[in-house]
Amino acid sequence: MPDYEDLVERLTAIEEDLRDRAYDQLRQAASAADEDDVRAFKAHERSLLQARRAIAKAIGALSGLGAATESD
């Protein structure tokens, strides 16, 4: 059976990057003076968090596959 550890590592790096970018959007929203900018930054942050959650779900699924192949 294939080993998915390399994919999990790459996805973990992507998840961390998405988290960092989401925090950057929140920081920008906190320092923005214009209300439209605040809304835009928060919308971007929500989209990044949604993507991060999807990546985290993929990591969990692939990690489970790796554990299943080890027990076979």
C-alpha atoms as a PDB file:
ATOM      1  CA  MET A   1       0.000   0.000   0.000  1.00  0.00           C
ATOM      2  CA  PRO A   2       1.194   3.560  -0.693  1.00  0.00           C
ATOM      3  CA  ASP A   3       2.600   5.779   2.018  1.00  0.00           C
ATOM      4  CA  TYR A   4       0.988   9.216   2.218  1.00  0.00           C
ATOM      5  CA  GLU A   5       3.395  10.784   4.704  1.00  0.00           C
ATOM      6  CA  ASP A   6       4.933  13.044   2.043  1.00  0.00           C
ATOM      7  CA  LEU A   7       1.508  14.402   1.120  1.00  0.00           C
ATOM      8  CA  VAL A   8       0.605  14.939   4.769  1.00  0.00           C
ATOM      9  CA  GLU A   9       3.827  16.918   5.288  1.00  0.00           C
ATOM     10  CA  ARG A  10       3.165  19.135   2.268  1.00  0.00           C
ATOM     11  CA  LEU A  11      -0.460  19.680   3.255  1.00  0.00           C
ATOM     12  CA  THR A  12       0.606  20.515   6.801  1.00  0.00           C
ATOM     13  CA  ALA A  13       2.914  23.221   5.442  1.00  0.00           C
ATOM     14  CA  ILE A  14       0.058  24.596   3.318  1.00  0.00           C
ATOM     15  CA  GLU A  15      -2.277  24.553   6.316  1.00  0.00           C
ATOM     16  CA  GLU A  16       0.250  26.522   8.382  1.00  0.00           C
ATOM     17  CA  ASP A  17       0.660  29.044   5.564  1.00  0.00           C
ATOM     18  CA  LEU A  18      -3.104  29.504   5.290  1.00  0.00           C
ATOM     19  CA  ARG A  19      -3.342  30.025   9.065  1.00  0.00           C
ATOM     20  CA  ASP A  20      -0.590  32.660   8.962  1.00  0.00           C
ATOM     21  CA  ARG A  21      -2.259  34.465   6.080  1.00  0.00           C
ATOM     22  CA  ALA A  22      -5.603  34.436   7.889  1.00  0.00           C
ATOM     23  CA  TYR A  23      -3.961  36.029  10.940  1.00  0.00           C
ATOM     24  CA  ASP A  24      -2.408  38.650   8.664  1.00  0.00           C
ATOM     25  CA  GLN A  25      -5.877  39.492   7.347  1.00  0.00           C
ATOM     26  CA  LEU A  26      -7.168  39.905  10.902  1.00  0.00           C
ATOM     27  CA  ARG A  27      -4.241  42.171  11.794  1.00  0.00           C
ATOM     28  CA  GLN A  28      -4.938  44.283   8.737  1.00  0.00           C
ATOM     29  CA  ALA A  29      -8.631  44.431   9.614  1.00  0.00           C
ATOM     30  CA  ALA A  30      -7.776  45.594  13.130  1.00  0.00           C
ATOM     31  CA  SER A  31      -5.611  48.408  11.814  1.00  0.00           C
ATOM     32  CA  ALA A  32      -7.832  49.445   8.900  1.00  0.00           C
ATOM     33  CA  ALA A  33      -9.545  52.801   9.205  1.00  0.00           C
ATOM     34  CA  ASP A  34     -12.129  52.317   6.477  1.00  0.00           C
ATOM     35  CA  GLU A  35     -15.100  50.065   7.327  1.00  0.00           C
ATOM     36  CA  ASP A  36     -15.185  48.670   3.788  1.00  0.00           C
ATOM     37  CA  ASP A  37     -11.550  47.598   4.162  1.00  0.00           C
ATOM     38  CA  VAL A  38     -12.340  45.961   7.499  1.00  0.00           C
ATOM     39  CA  ARG A  39     -15.166  43.954   5.909  1.00  0.00           C
ATOM     40  CA  ALA A  40     -12.948  42.943   2.989  1.00  0.00           C
ATOM     41  CA  PHE A  41     -10.113  41.788   5.257  1.00  0.00           C
ATOM     42  CA  LYS A  42     -12.536  39.807   7.403  1.00  0.00           C
ATOM     43  CA  ALA A  43     -14.082  38.182   4.325  1.00  0.00           C
ATOM     44  CA  HIS A  44     -10.635  37.161   3.108  1.00  0.00           C
ATOM     45  CA  GLU A  45      -9.833  35.782   6.551  1.00  0.00           C
ATOM     46  CA  ARG A  46     -13.007  33.662   6.539  1.00  0.00           C
ATOM     47  CA  SER A  47     -12.172  32.267   3.092  1.00  0.00           C
ATOM     48  CA  LEU A  48      -8.641  31.409   4.196  1.00  0.00           C
ATOM     49  CA  LEU A  49      -9.971  29.670   7.316  1.00  0.00           C
ATOM     50  CA  GLN A  50     -12.428  27.685   5.214  1.00  0.00           C
ATOM     51  CA  ALA A  51      -9.562  26.551   2.987  1.00  0.00           C
ATOM     52  CA  ARG A  52      -7.447  25.727   6.056  1.00  0.00           C
ATOM     53  CA  ARG A  53     -10.230  23.575   7.496  1.00  0.00           C
ATOM     54  CA  ALA A  54     -10.517  21.688   4.203  1.00  0.00           C
ATOM     55  CA  ILE A  55      -6.765  21.053   4.194  1.00  0.00           C
ATOM     56  CA  ALA A  56      -6.905  19.911   7.826  1.00  0.00           C
ATOM     57  CA  LYS A  57      -9.671  17.488   6.874  1.00  0.00           C
ATOM     58  CA  ALA A  58      -7.538  16.128   4.023  1.00  0.00           C
ATOM     59  CA  ILE A  59      -4.614  15.701   6.415  1.00  0.00           C
ATOM     60  CA  GLY A  60      -6.838  13.716   8.757  1.00  0.00           C
ATOM     61  CA  ALA A  61      -8.118  11.526   5.953  1.00  0.00           C
ATOM     62  CA  LEU A  62      -4.640  10.797   4.623  1.00  0.00           C
ATOM     63  CA  SER A  63      -3.249  10.194   8.099  1.00  0.00           C
ATOM     64  CA  GLY A  64      -5.987   7.629   8.628  1.00  0.00           C
ATOM     65  CA  LEU A  65      -5.042   5.903   5.389  1.00  0.00           C
ATOM     66  CA  GLY A  66      -1.425   5.708   6.483  1.00  0.00           C
ATOM     67  CA  ALA A  67      -2.419   4.156   9.804  1.00  0.00           C
ATOM     68  CA  ALA A  68      -4.669   1.645   8.054  1.00  0.00           C
ATOM     69  CA  THR A  69      -1.881   0.517   5.729  1.00  0.00           C
ATOM     70  CA  GLU A  70       0.526   0.072   8.650  1.00  0.00           C
ATOM     71  CA  SER A  71      -1.875  -2.240  10.483  1.00  0.00           C
ATOM     72  CA  ASP A  72      -2.392  -4.491   7.427  1.00  0.00           C
END
